[in-house]
Amino acid sequence: DLADRERYLNARSTLLTLLKLRVLPVINENDTVVNDEIKFGDNDTLG
């Protein structure tokens, strides 16, 4: 999601919109579909 430029910008736009709406985003790695090639490795990196 973050490696693809368009999806990166979409994720950024969504998060900034939620903050503007005073909605608190809760983020986690999508472990239900992730594999070794696309995983962050740990949520410290994701943070």
All heavy atoms as atom14 arrays in JSON, in Angstrom:
{
  "sequence": "DLADRERYLNARSTLLTLLKLRVLPVINENDTVVNDEIKFGDNDTLG",
  "atom14_mask": [
    [1, 1, 1, 1, 1, 1, 1, 1, 0, 0, 0, 0, 0, 0],
    [1, 1, 1, 1, 1, 1, 1, 1, 0, 0, 0, 0, 0, 0],
    [1, 1, 1, 1, 1, 0, 0, 0, 0, 0, 0, 0, 0, 0],
    [1, 1, 1, 1, 1, 1, 1, 1, 0, 0, 0, 0, 0, 0],
    [1, 1, 1, 1, 1, 1, 1, 1, 1, 1, 1, 0, 0, 0],
    [1, 1, 1, 1, 1, 1, 1, 1, 1, 0, 0, 0, 0, 0],
    [1, 1, 1, 1, 1, 1, 1, 1, 1, 1, 1, 0, 0, 0],
    [1, 1, 1, 1, 1, 1, 1, 1, 1, 1, 1, 1, 0, 0],
    [1, 1, 1, 1, 1, 1, 1, 1, 0, 0, 0, 0, 0, 0],
    [1, 1, 1, 1, 1, 1, 1, 1, 0, 0, 0, 0, 0, 0],
    [1, 1, 1, 1, 1, 0, 0, 0, 0, 0, 0, 0, 0, 0],
    [1, 1, 1, 1, 1, 1, 1, 1, 1, 1, 1, 0, 0, 0],
    [1, 1, 1, 1, 1, 1, 0, 0, 0, 0, 0, 0, 0, 0],
    [1, 1, 1, 1, 1, 1, 1, 0, 0, 0, 0, 0, 0, 0],
    [1, 1, 1, 1, 1, 1, 1, 1, 0, 0, 0, 0, 0, 0],
    [1, 1, 1, 1, 1, 1, 1, 1, 0, 0, 0, 0, 0, 0],
    [1, 1, 1, 1, 1, 1, 1, 0, 0, 0, 0, 0, 0, 0],
    [1, 1, 1, 1, 1, 1, 1, 1, 0, 0, 0, 0, 0, 0],
    [1, 1, 1, 1, 1, 1, 1, 1, 0, 0, 0, 0, 0, 0],
    [1, 1, 1, 1, 1, 1, 1, 1, 1, 0, 0, 0, 0, 0],
    [1, 1, 1, 1, 1, 1, 1, 1, 0, 0, 0, 0, 0, 0],
    [1, 1, 1, 1, 1, 1, 1, 1, 1, 1, 1, 0, 0, 0],
    [1, 1, 1, 1, 1, 1, 1, 0, 0, 0, 0, 0, 0, 0],
    [1, 1, 1, 1, 1, 1, 1, 1, 0, 0, 0, 0, 0, 0],
    [1, 1, 1, 1, 1, 1, 1, 0, 0, 0, 0, 0, 0, 0],
    [1, 1, 1, 1, 1, 1, 1, 0, 0, 0, 0, 0, 0, 0],
    [1, 1, 1, 1, 1, 1, 1, 1, 0, 0, 0, 0, 0, 0],
    [1, 1, 1, 1, 1, 1, 1, 1, 0, 0, 0, 0, 0, 0],
    [1, 1, 1, 1, 1, 1, 1, 1, 1, 0, 0, 0, 0, 0],
    [1, 1, 1, 1, 1, 1, 1, 1, 0, 0, 0, 0, 0, 0],
    [1, 1, 1, 1, 1, 1, 1, 1, 0, 0, 0, 0, 0, 0],
    [1, 1, 1, 1, 1, 1, 1, 0, 0, 0, 0, 0, 0, 0],
    [1, 1, 1, 1, 1, 1, 1, 0, 0, 0, 0, 0, 0, 0],
    [1, 1, 1, 1, 1, 1, 1, 0, 0, 0, 0, 0, 0, 0],
    [1, 1, 1, 1, 1, 1, 1, 1, 0, 0, 0, 0, 0, 0],
    [1, 1, 1, 1, 1, 1, 1, 1, 0, 0, 0, 0, 0, 0],
    [1, 1, 1, 1, 1, 1, 1, 1, 1, 0, 0, 0, 0, 0],
    [1, 1, 1, 1, 1, 1, 1, 1, 0, 0, 0, 0, 0, 0],
    [1, 1, 1, 1, 1, 1, 1, 1, 1, 0, 0, 0, 0, 0],
    [1, 1, 1, 1, 1, 1, 1, 1, 1, 1, 1, 0, 0, 0],
    [1, 1, 1, 1, 0, 0, 0, 0, 0, 0, 0, 0, 0, 0],
    [1, 1, 1, 1, 1, 1, 1, 1, 0, 0, 0, 0, 0, 0],
    [1, 1, 1, 1, 1, 1, 1, 1, 0, 0, 0, 0, 0, 0],
    [1, 1, 1, 1, 1, 1, 1, 1, 0, 0, 0, 0, 0, 0],
    [1, 1, 1, 1, 1, 1, 1, 0, 0, 0, 0, 0, 0, 0],
    [1, 1, 1, 1, 1, 1, 1, 1, 0, 0, 0, 0, 0, 0],
    [1, 1, 1, 1, 0, 0, 0, 0, 0, 0, 0, 0, 0, 0]
  ],
  "atom14_positions": [
    [[0.82, -1.21, 0.0], [0.0, 0.0, 0.0], [0.86, 1.26, 0.0], [0.47, 2.29, -0.55], [-0.92, 0.02, 1.23], [-1.92, -1.12, 1.22], [-2.46, -1.42, 0.14], [-2.13, -1.72, 2.29], [0.0, 0.0, 0.0], [0.0, 0.0, 0.0], [0.0, 0.0, 0.0], [0.0, 0.0, 0.0], [0.0, 0.0, 0.0], [0.0, 0.0, 0.0]],
    [[2.01, 1.19, 0.65], [2.87, 2.36, 0.77], [3.96, 2.38, -0.29], [4.57, 3.42, -0.54], [3.49, 2.42, 2.17], [2.49, 2.46, 3.33], [3.22, 2.69, 4.65], [1.43, 3.53, 3.12], [0.0, 0.0, 0.0], [0.0, 0.0, 0.0], [0.0, 0.0, 0.0], [0.0, 0.0, 0.0], [0.0, 0.0, 0.0], [0.0, 0.0, 0.0]],
    [[4.24, 1.24, -0.91], [5.26, 1.19, -1.96], [4.72, 1.74, -3.28], [5.47, 2.28, -4.08], [5.74, -0.24, -2.16], [0.0, 0.0, 0.0], [0.0, 0.0, 0.0], [0.0, 0.0, 0.0], [0.0, 0.0, 0.0], [0.0, 0.0, 0.0], [0.0, 0.0, 0.0], [0.0, 0.0, 0.0], [0.0, 0.0, 0.0], [0.0, 0.0, 0.0]],
    [[3.41, 1.59, -3.51], [2.79, 2.12, -4.71], [2.45, 3.58, -4.47], [1.76, 3.92, -3.51], [1.52, 1.33, -5.03], [0.81, 1.84, -6.26], [1.16, 1.39, -7.37], [-0.08, 2.71, -6.1], [0.0, 0.0, 0.0], [0.0, 0.0, 0.0], [0.0, 0.0, 0.0], [0.0, 0.0, 0.0], [0.0, 0.0, 0.0], [0.0, 0.0, 0.0]],
    [[2.94, 4.45, -5.35], [2.79, 5.89, -5.14], [1.32, 6.31, -5.03], [0.95, 7.1, -4.14], [3.48, 6.65, -6.27], [3.44, 8.18, -6.13], [4.17, 8.65, -4.9], [4.25, 10.11, -4.85], [4.56, 10.8, -3.77], [4.82, 10.17, -2.65], [4.64, 12.11, -3.8], [0.0, 0.0, 0.0], [0.0, 0.0, 0.0], [0.0, 0.0, 0.0]],
    [[0.46, 5.79, -5.91], [-0.95, 6.2, -5.89], [-1.63, 5.73, -4.61], [-2.38, 6.49, -3.97], [-1.67, 5.64, -7.11], [-3.13, 6.08, -7.2], [-3.81, 5.6, -8.47], [-3.12, 4.99, -9.32], [-5.02, 5.85, -8.62], [0.0, 0.0, 0.0], [0.0, 0.0, 0.0], [0.0, 0.0, 0.0], [0.0, 0.0, 0.0], [0.0, 0.0, 0.0]],
    [[-1.37, 4.49, -4.2], [-1.99, 3.98, -2.97], [-1.43, 4.7, -1.74], [-2.15, 4.93, -0.76], [-1.77, 2.46, -2.88], [-2.61, 1.69, -3.89], [-2.06, 0.33, -4.22], [-2.2, -0.61, -3.13], [-1.77, -1.87, -3.18], [-1.2, -2.32, -4.3], [-1.92, -2.68, -2.16], [0.0, 0.0, 0.0], [0.0, 0.0, 0.0], [0.0, 0.0, 0.0]],
    [[-0.15, 5.05, -1.8], [0.47, 5.83, -0.73], [-0.27, 7.16, -0.56], [-0.63, 7.54, 0.57], [1.93, 6.07, -1.09], [2.74, 6.94, -0.15], [3.5, 6.37, 0.87], [2.76, 8.32, -0.29], [4.26, 7.16, 1.72], [3.51, 9.12, 0.56], [4.26, 8.54, 1.56], [5.02, 9.33, 2.4], [0.0, 0.0, 0.0], [0.0, 0.0, 0.0]],
    [[-0.51, 7.85, -1.66], [-1.19, 9.13, -1.59], [-2.63, 8.97, -1.14], [-3.17, 9.81, -0.4], [-1.12, 9.83, -2.94], [0.28, 10.27, -3.39], [0.24, 10.8, -4.81], [0.85, 11.31, -2.44], [0.0, 0.0, 0.0], [0.0, 0.0, 0.0], [0.0, 0.0, 0.0], [0.0, 0.0, 0.0], [0.0, 0.0, 0.0], [0.0, 0.0, 0.0]],
    [[-3.28, 7.87, -1.57], [-4.65, 7.61, -1.13], [-4.71, 7.36, 0.38], [-5.62, 7.86, 1.07], [-5.23, 6.41, -1.87], [-5.56, 6.72, -3.32], [-5.7, 7.88, -3.69], [-5.66, 5.69, -4.14], [0.0, 0.0, 0.0], [0.0, 0.0, 0.0], [0.0, 0.0, 0.0], [0.0, 0.0, 0.0], [0.0, 0.0, 0.0], [0.0, 0.0, 0.0]],
    [[-3.76, 6.58, 0.89], [-3.72, 6.32, 2.34], [-3.48, 7.61, 3.11], [-4.12, 7.86, 4.14], [-2.62, 5.3, 2.65], [0.0, 0.0, 0.0], [0.0, 0.0, 0.0], [0.0, 0.0, 0.0], [0.0, 0.0, 0.0], [0.0, 0.0, 0.0], [0.0, 0.0, 0.0], [0.0, 0.0, 0.0], [0.0, 0.0, 0.0], [0.0, 0.0, 0.0]],
    [[-2.57, 8.42, 2.6], [-2.29, 9.72, 3.26], [-3.54, 10.59, 3.27], [-3.89, 11.19, 4.3], [-1.14, 10.41, 2.53], [-0.87, 11.84, 2.98], [0.27, 12.45, 2.19], [0.3, 13.9, 2.35], [0.86, 14.53, 3.36], [1.45, 13.84, 4.31], [0.85, 15.85, 3.44], [0.0, 0.0, 0.0], [0.0, 0.0, 0.0], [0.0, 0.0, 0.0]],
    [[-4.21, 10.67, 2.12], [-5.41, 11.5, 2.03], [-6.5, 11.03, 3.0], [-7.15, 11.84, 3.67], [-5.94, 11.48, 0.59], [-7.13, 12.23, 0.49], [0.0, 0.0, 0.0], [0.0, 0.0, 0.0], [0.0, 0.0, 0.0], [0.0, 0.0, 0.0], [0.0, 0.0, 0.0], [0.0, 0.0, 0.0], [0.0, 0.0, 0.0], [0.0, 0.0, 0.0]],
    [[-6.67, 9.71, 3.09], [-7.67, 9.16, 4.01], [-7.35, 9.51, 5.46], [-8.23, 9.96, 6.22], [-7.75, 7.63, 3.85], [-8.16, 7.31, 2.53], [-8.74, 7.04, 4.85], [0.0, 0.0, 0.0], [0.0, 0.0, 0.0], [0.0, 0.0, 0.0], [0.0, 0.0, 0.0], [0.0, 0.0, 0.0], [0.0, 0.0, 0.0], [0.0, 0.0, 0.0]],
    [[-6.1, 9.33, 5.84], [-5.69, 9.62, 7.23], [-5.86, 11.1, 7.56], [-6.38, 11.46, 8.64], [-4.24, 9.19, 7.45], [-4.03, 7.68, 7.59], [-2.54, 7.35, 7.52], [-4.61, 7.18, 8.9], [0.0, 0.0, 0.0], [0.0, 0.0, 0.0], [0.0, 0.0, 0.0], [0.0, 0.0, 0.0], [0.0, 0.0, 0.0], [0.0, 0.0, 0.0]],
    [[-5.43, 11.97, 6.67], [-5.55, 13.4, 6.94], [-7.0, 13.84, 6.99], [-7.36, 14.72, 7.78], [-4.78, 14.19, 5.87], [-3.26, 13.98, 5.86], [-2.61, 14.87, 4.8], [-2.65, 14.24, 7.23], [0.0, 0.0, 0.0], [0.0, 0.0, 0.0], [0.0, 0.0, 0.0], [0.0, 0.0, 0.0], [0.0, 0.0, 0.0], [0.0, 0.0, 0.0]],
    [[-7.85, 13.22, 6.17], [-9.28, 13.53, 6.22], [-9.88, 13.09, 7.55], [-10.68, 13.83, 8.15], [-10.02, 12.85, 5.05], [-9.48, 13.31, 3.81], [-11.52, 13.15, 5.1], [0.0, 0.0, 0.0], [0.0, 0.0, 0.0], [0.0, 0.0, 0.0], [0.0, 0.0, 0.0], [0.0, 0.0, 0.0], [0.0, 0.0, 0.0], [0.0, 0.0, 0.0]],
    [[-9.52, 11.91, 8.01], [-10.03, 11.43, 9.3], [-9.61, 12.37, 10.43], [-10.41, 12.69, 11.33], [-9.51, 10.01, 9.57], [-10.14, 8.9, 8.72], [-9.37, 7.6, 8.9], [-11.6, 8.71, 9.06], [0.0, 0.0, 0.0], [0.0, 0.0, 0.0], [0.0, 0.0, 0.0], [0.0, 0.0, 0.0], [0.0, 0.0, 0.0], [0.0, 0.0, 0.0]],
    [[-8.36, 12.82, 10.4], [-7.88, 13.74, 11.43], [-8.65, 15.06, 11.38], [-8.99, 15.64, 12.43], [-6.38, 13.99, 11.27], [-5.48, 12.78, 11.55], [-4.02, 13.12, 11.26], [-5.63, 12.31, 12.99], [0.0, 0.0, 0.0], [0.0, 0.0, 0.0], [0.0, 0.0, 0.0], [0.0, 0.0, 0.0], [0.0, 0.0, 0.0], [0.0, 0.0, 0.0]],
    [[-8.93, 15.53, 10.18], [-9.7, 16.77, 10.02], [-11.11, 16.61, 10.57], [-11.68, 17.55, 11.12], [-9.76, 17.15, 8.54], [-10.44, 18.48, 8.25], [-10.41, 18.8, 6.77], [-11.09, 20.12, 6.47], [-11.07, 20.44, 5.02], [0.0, 0.0, 0.0], [0.0, 0.0, 0.0], [0.0, 0.0, 0.0], [0.0, 0.0, 0.0], [0.0, 0.0, 0.0]],
    [[-11.65, 15.39, 10.44], [-12.99, 15.1, 10.96], [-12.98, 14.77, 12.45], [-14.03, 14.45, 13.02], [-13.59, 13.92, 10.18], [-13.89, 14.17, 8.7], [-14.27, 12.87, 8.01], [-14.99, 15.21, 8.54], [0.0, 0.0, 0.0], [0.0, 0.0, 0.0], [0.0, 0.0, 0.0], [0.0, 0.0, 0.0], [0.0, 0.0, 0.0], [0.0, 0.0, 0.0]],
    [[-11.79, 14.83, 13.05], [-11.62, 14.51, 14.48], [-12.03, 13.06, 14.78], [-12.61, 12.75, 15.82], [-12.38, 15.5, 15.37], [-11.92, 16.94, 15.2], [-12.6, 17.87, 16.17], [-12.25, 17.56, 17.55], [-11.09, 17.89, 18.12], [-10.15, 18.52, 17.42], [-10.87, 17.59, 19.38], [0.0, 0.0, 0.0], [0.0, 0.0, 0.0], [0.0, 0.0, 0.0]],
    [[-11.69, 12.19, 13.84], [-11.85, 10.75, 14.02], [-10.46, 10.15, 14.21], [-9.55, 10.47, 13.45], [-12.54, 10.11, 12.8], [-12.55, 8.59, 12.92], [-13.97, 10.65, 12.68], [0.0, 0.0, 0.0], [0.0, 0.0, 0.0], [0.0, 0.0, 0.0], [0.0, 0.0, 0.0], [0.0, 0.0, 0.0], [0.0, 0.0, 0.0], [0.0, 0.0, 0.0]],
    [[-10.31, 9.31, 15.23], [-8.99, 8.78, 15.54], [-8.73, 7.48, 14.77], [-9.43, 6.49, 14.98], [-8.87, 8.53, 17.05], [-7.44, 8.38, 17.58], [-7.35, 8.89, 19.01], [-6.97, 6.94, 17.52], [0.0, 0.0, 0.0], [0.0, 0.0, 0.0], [0.0, 0.0, 0.0], [0.0, 0.0, 0.0], [0.0, 0.0, 0.0], [0.0, 0.0, 0.0]],
    [[-7.77, 7.47, 13.85], [-7.46, 6.24, 13.11], [-6.69, 5.25, 13.99], [-5.75, 5.63, 14.69], [-6.57, 6.73, 11.95], [-6.68, 8.23, 11.96], [-6.98, 8.61, 13.37], [0.0, 0.0, 0.0], [0.0, 0.0, 0.0], [0.0, 0.0, 0.0], [0.0, 0.0, 0.0], [0.0, 0.0, 0.0], [0.0, 0.0, 0.0], [0.0, 0.0, 0.0]],
    [[-7.1, 3.98, 13.94], [-6.37, 2.9, 14.59], [-5.82, 2.01, 13.48], [-6.58, 1.4, 12.73], [-7.27, 2.1, 15.54], [-6.47, 0.98, 16.2], [-7.88, 3.02, 16.61], [0.0, 0.0, 0.0], [0.0, 0.0, 0.0], [0.0, 0.0, 0.0], [0.0, 0.0, 0.0], [0.0, 0.0, 0.0], [0.0, 0.0, 0.0], [0.0, 0.0, 0.0]],
    [[-4.49, 1.93, 13.38], [-3.83, 1.26, 12.26], [-3.12, 0.0, 12.73], [-2.53, -0.03, 13.8], [-2.8, 2.21, 11.6], [-3.51, 3.49, 11.11], [-2.08, 1.53, 10.45], [-2.57, 4.53, 10.55], [0.0, 0.0, 0.0], [0.0, 0.0, 0.0], [0.0, 0.0, 0.0], [0.0, 0.0, 0.0], [0.0, 0.0, 0.0], [0.0, 0.0, 0.0]],
    [[-3.2, -1.03, 11.9], [-2.46, -2.27, 12.14], [-2.01, -2.8, 10.79], [-2.54, -2.42, 9.74], [-3.33, -3.3, 12.86], [-2.51, -4.44, 13.45], [-1.28, -4.46, 13.37], [-3.19, -5.41, 14.06], [0.0, 0.0, 0.0], [0.0, 0.0, 0.0], [0.0, 0.0, 0.0], [0.0, 0.0, 0.0], [0.0, 0.0, 0.0], [0.0, 0.0, 0.0]],
    [[-1.0, -3.66, 10.81], [-0.61, -4.32, 9.57], [-1.7, -5.3, 9.18], [-2.3, -5.97, 10.04], [0.72, -5.05, 9.74], [1.19, -5.73, 8.46], [2.64, -6.19, 8.54], [3.23, -6.16, 9.63], [3.17, -6.6, 7.5], [0.0, 0.0, 0.0], [0.0, 0.0, 0.0], [0.0, 0.0, 0.0], [0.0, 0.0, 0.0], [0.0, 0.0, 0.0]],
    [[-1.97, -5.42, 7.89], [-3.01, -6.33, 7.43], [-2.46, -7.75, 7.37], [-2.2, -8.3, 6.31], [-3.53, -5.89, 6.05], [-4.82, -6.59, 5.68], [-5.29, -7.46, 6.4], [-5.39, -6.2, 4.55], [0.0, 0.0, 0.0], [0.0, 0.0, 0.0], [0.0, 0.0, 0.0], [0.0, 0.0, 0.0], [0.0, 0.0, 0.0], [0.0, 0.0, 0.0]],
    [[-2.33, -8.35, 8.55], [-1.73, -9.69, 8.66], [-2.59, -10.78, 8.03], [-2.12, -11.9, 7.83], [-1.47, -10.03, 10.12], [-0.29, -9.26, 10.69], [0.77, -9.26, 10.04], [-0.43, -8.68, 11.78], [0.0, 0.0, 0.0], [0.0, 0.0, 0.0], [0.0, 0.0, 0.0], [0.0, 0.0, 0.0], [0.0, 0.0, 0.0], [0.0, 0.0, 0.0]],
    [[-3.84, -10.49, 7.72], [-4.7, -11.53, 7.13], [-4.33, -11.82, 5.67], [-4.64, -12.88, 5.15], [-6.18, -11.13, 7.19], [-6.36, -9.91, 6.48], [-6.62, -10.95, 8.63], [0.0, 0.0, 0.0], [0.0, 0.0, 0.0], [0.0, 0.0, 0.0], [0.0, 0.0, 0.0], [0.0, 0.0, 0.0], [0.0, 0.0, 0.0], [0.0, 0.0, 0.0]],
    [[-3.64, -10.88, 5.01], [-3.26, -11.1, 3.61], [-1.76, -10.95, 3.38], [-1.27, -11.23, 2.29], [-4.0, -10.11, 2.68], [-5.5, -10.32, 2.79], [-3.63, -8.66, 2.98], [0.0, 0.0, 0.0], [0.0, 0.0, 0.0], [0.0, 0.0, 0.0], [0.0, 0.0, 0.0], [0.0, 0.0, 0.0], [0.0, 0.0, 0.0], [0.0, 0.0, 0.0]],
    [[-1.02, -10.5, 4.39], [0.38, -10.18, 4.21], [1.21, -11.45, 4.05], [0.86, -12.52, 4.53], [0.9, -9.35, 5.41], [1.2, -10.23, 6.61], [2.11, -8.53, 5.03], [0.0, 0.0, 0.0], [0.0, 0.0, 0.0], [0.0, 0.0, 0.0], [0.0, 0.0, 0.0], [0.0, 0.0, 0.0], [0.0, 0.0, 0.0], [0.0, 0.0, 0.0]],
    [[2.33, -11.33, 3.31], [3.29, -12.43, 3.24], [4.68, -11.87, 3.44], [4.86, -10.68, 3.65], [3.19, -13.18, 1.9], [3.39, -12.26, 0.71], [4.26, -11.4, 0.72], [2.6, -12.45, -0.32], [0.0, 0.0, 0.0], [0.0, 0.0, 0.0], [0.0, 0.0, 0.0], [0.0, 0.0, 0.0], [0.0, 0.0, 0.0], [0.0, 0.0, 0.0]],
    [[5.7, -12.75, 3.42], [7.05, -12.32, 3.74], [7.57, -11.23, 2.81], [8.43, -10.44, 3.18], [8.02, -13.51, 3.71], [7.83, -14.43, 4.9], [7.29, -13.95, 5.91], [8.22, -15.61, 4.83], [0.0, 0.0, 0.0], [0.0, 0.0, 0.0], [0.0, 0.0, 0.0], [0.0, 0.0, 0.0], [0.0, 0.0, 0.0], [0.0, 0.0, 0.0]],
    [[7.06, -11.2, 1.58], [7.56, -10.24, 0.62], [7.02, -8.84, 0.83], [7.62, -7.87, 0.39], [7.23, -10.7, -0.81], [7.97, -11.97, -1.22], [7.67, -12.36, -2.66], [6.83, -11.68, -3.28], [8.27, -13.32, -3.14], [0.0, 0.0, 0.0], [0.0, 0.0, 0.0], [0.0, 0.0, 0.0], [0.0, 0.0, 0.0], [0.0, 0.0, 0.0]],
    [[5.85, -8.72, 1.46], [5.24, -7.4, 1.59], [5.01, -6.99, 3.04], [4.42, -5.95, 3.3], [3.9, -7.34, 0.82], [2.9, -8.36, 1.38], [4.11, -7.56, -0.65], [1.51, -8.21, 0.79], [0.0, 0.0, 0.0], [0.0, 0.0, 0.0], [0.0, 0.0, 0.0], [0.0, 0.0, 0.0], [0.0, 0.0, 0.0], [0.0, 0.0, 0.0]],
    [[5.48, -7.75, 4.0], [5.24, -7.42, 5.39], [6.19, -6.32, 5.87], [7.29, -6.17, 5.38], [5.36, -8.66, 6.28], [6.78, -9.17, 6.44], [6.83, -10.59, 6.98], [5.98, -10.78, 8.2], [6.11, -12.14, 8.74], [0.0, 0.0, 0.0], [0.0, 0.0, 0.0], [0.0, 0.0, 0.0], [0.0, 0.0, 0.0], [0.0, 0.0, 0.0]],
    [[5.74, -5.54, 6.83], [6.59, -4.51, 7.43], [7.64, -5.14, 8.33], [8.72, -4.6, 8.51], [5.74, -3.53, 8.24], [4.81, -2.7, 7.4], [3.46, -2.96, 7.4], [5.29, -1.67, 6.62], [2.59, -2.2, 6.63], [4.43, -0.9, 5.85], [3.07, -1.17, 5.85], [0.0, 0.0, 0.0], [0.0, 0.0, 0.0], [0.0, 0.0, 0.0]],
    [[7.32, -6.29, 8.89], [8.27, -6.97, 9.76], [7.95, -6.77, 11.22], [8.11, -7.67, 12.03], [0.0, 0.0, 0.0], [0.0, 0.0, 0.0], [0.0, 0.0, 0.0], [0.0, 0.0, 0.0], [0.0, 0.0, 0.0], [0.0, 0.0, 0.0], [0.0, 0.0, 0.0], [0.0, 0.0, 0.0], [0.0, 0.0, 0.0], [0.0, 0.0, 0.0]],
    [[7.5, -5.6, 11.59], [7.1, -5.31, 12.97], [6.35, -3.99, 12.95], [6.48, -3.18, 12.04], [8.32, -5.21, 13.89], [9.28, -4.13, 13.42], [9.05, -2.96, 13.76], [10.24, -4.45, 12.7], [0.0, 0.0, 0.0], [0.0, 0.0, 0.0], [0.0, 0.0, 0.0], [0.0, 0.0, 0.0], [0.0, 0.0, 0.0], [0.0, 0.0, 0.0]],
    [[5.54, -3.76, 13.97], [4.73, -2.56, 13.98], [5.49, -1.33, 14.44], [4.97, -0.21, 14.36], [3.47, -2.77, 14.83], [2.33, -3.33, 14.01], [2.5, -3.64, 12.83], [1.16, -3.46, 14.6], [0.0, 0.0, 0.0], [0.0, 0.0, 0.0], [0.0, 0.0, 0.0], [0.0, 0.0, 0.0], [0.0, 0.0, 0.0], [0.0, 0.0, 0.0]],
    [[6.72, -1.48, 14.94], [7.57, -0.31, 15.18], [7.9, 0.35, 13.85], [7.8, 1.57, 13.69], [8.86, -0.72, 15.9], [8.61, -1.28, 17.28], [7.74, -0.74, 17.98], [9.27, -2.25, 17.66], [0.0, 0.0, 0.0], [0.0, 0.0, 0.0], [0.0, 0.0, 0.0], [0.0, 0.0, 0.0], [0.0, 0.0, 0.0], [0.0, 0.0, 0.0]],
    [[8.26, -0.48, 12.86], [8.51, 0.04, 11.51], [7.25, 0.66, 10.94], [7.3, 1.75, 10.34], [9.0, -1.1, 10.59], [10.21, -1.63, 11.11], [9.25, -0.58, 9.18], [0.0, 0.0, 0.0], [0.0, 0.0, 0.0], [0.0, 0.0, 0.0], [0.0, 0.0, 0.0], [0.0, 0.0, 0.0], [0.0, 0.0, 0.0], [0.0, 0.0, 0.0]],
    [[6.11, 0.0, 11.11], [4.85, 0.55, 10.62], [4.57, 1.9, 11.27], [4.13, 2.84, 10.6], [3.71, -0.43, 10.89], [2.31, 0.04, 10.49], [2.25, 0.4, 9.02], [1.28, -1.04, 10.82], [0.0, 0.0, 0.0], [0.0, 0.0, 0.0], [0.0, 0.0, 0.0], [0.0, 0.0, 0.0], [0.0, 0.0, 0.0], [0.0, 0.0, 0.0]],
    [[4.82, 2.01, 12.57], [4.61, 3.28, 13.26], [5.45, 4.4, 12.66], [4.98, 5.53, 12.47], [0.0, 0.0, 0.0], [0.0, 0.0, 0.0], [0.0, 0.0, 0.0], [0.0, 0.0, 0.0], [0.0, 0.0, 0.0], [0.0, 0.0, 0.0], [0.0, 0.0, 0.0], [0.0, 0.0, 0.0], [0.0, 0.0, 0.0], [0.0, 0.0, 0.0]]
  ]
}
